[in-house]
């Protein structure tokens, strides 16, 4: 049973594909650069990893 029209399905697929493509190009063009933060003076006692 085909509830949605083929035109709607095709349009949705194309739009989602374009969003993913532009997102991928944005990530490749501007990779994430981790920020360098100074450690807080009280963070060592409250950190669950220490």
Protein backbone atom coordinates (compact mmCIF):
# COMPACT_ATOMS: atom_id res chain seq x y z
CA UNK A 1 0.00 0.00 0.00
CA UNK A 2 1.63 3.20 -1.21
CA UNK A 3 0.41 6.01 1.05
CA UNK A 4 2.85 8.77 0.03
CA UNK A 5 3.14 9.94 -3.55
CA UNK A 6 6.35 9.10 -5.43
CA UNK A 7 6.98 12.82 -6.01
CA UNK A 8 6.93 13.48 -2.26
CA UNK A 9 9.24 10.55 -1.58
CA UNK A 10 11.70 11.68 -4.27
CA UNK A 11 11.66 15.29 -3.09
CA UNK A 12 12.24 14.24 0.52
CA UNK A 13 15.12 11.97 -0.46
CA UNK A 14 16.77 14.71 -2.55
CA UNK A 15 16.40 17.34 0.19
CA UNK A 16 17.81 15.04 2.87
CA UNK A 17 20.67 14.06 0.57
CA UNK A 18 21.50 17.73 -0.07
CA UNK A 19 21.43 18.49 3.66
CA UNK A 20 23.83 15.63 4.36
CA UNK A 21 26.09 16.66 1.48
CA UNK A 22 26.30 20.28 2.62
CA UNK A 23 26.91 19.15 6.21
CA UNK A 24 29.74 16.88 5.08
CA UNK A 25 31.30 19.65 2.99
CA UNK A 26 31.04 22.05 5.94
CA UNK A 27 32.82 19.59 8.25
CA UNK A 28 35.56 18.95 5.70
CA UNK A 29 36.06 22.67 5.08
CA UNK A 30 36.02 23.66 8.77
CA UNK A 31 37.23 20.80 10.96
CA UNK A 32 36.70 21.03 14.68
CA UNK A 33 39.61 22.55 16.56
CA UNK A 34 39.57 21.63 20.23
CA UNK A 35 39.73 24.59 22.57
CA UNK A 36 42.52 24.79 25.10
CA UNK A 37 41.02 25.52 28.49
CA UNK A 38 42.91 26.16 31.65
CA UNK A 39 42.00 23.73 34.42
CA UNK A 40 39.96 25.18 37.27
CA UNK A 41 41.60 25.19 40.67
CA UNK A 42 38.77 23.21 42.30
CA UNK A 43 38.03 20.79 39.50
CA UNK A 44 40.48 18.12 40.67
CA UNK A 45 38.53 17.41 43.86
CA UNK A 46 35.13 17.33 42.17
CA UNK A 47 36.11 15.33 39.09
CA UNK A 48 34.69 11.79 39.02
CA UNK A 49 37.69 10.63 36.96
CA UNK A 50 40.30 11.21 39.62
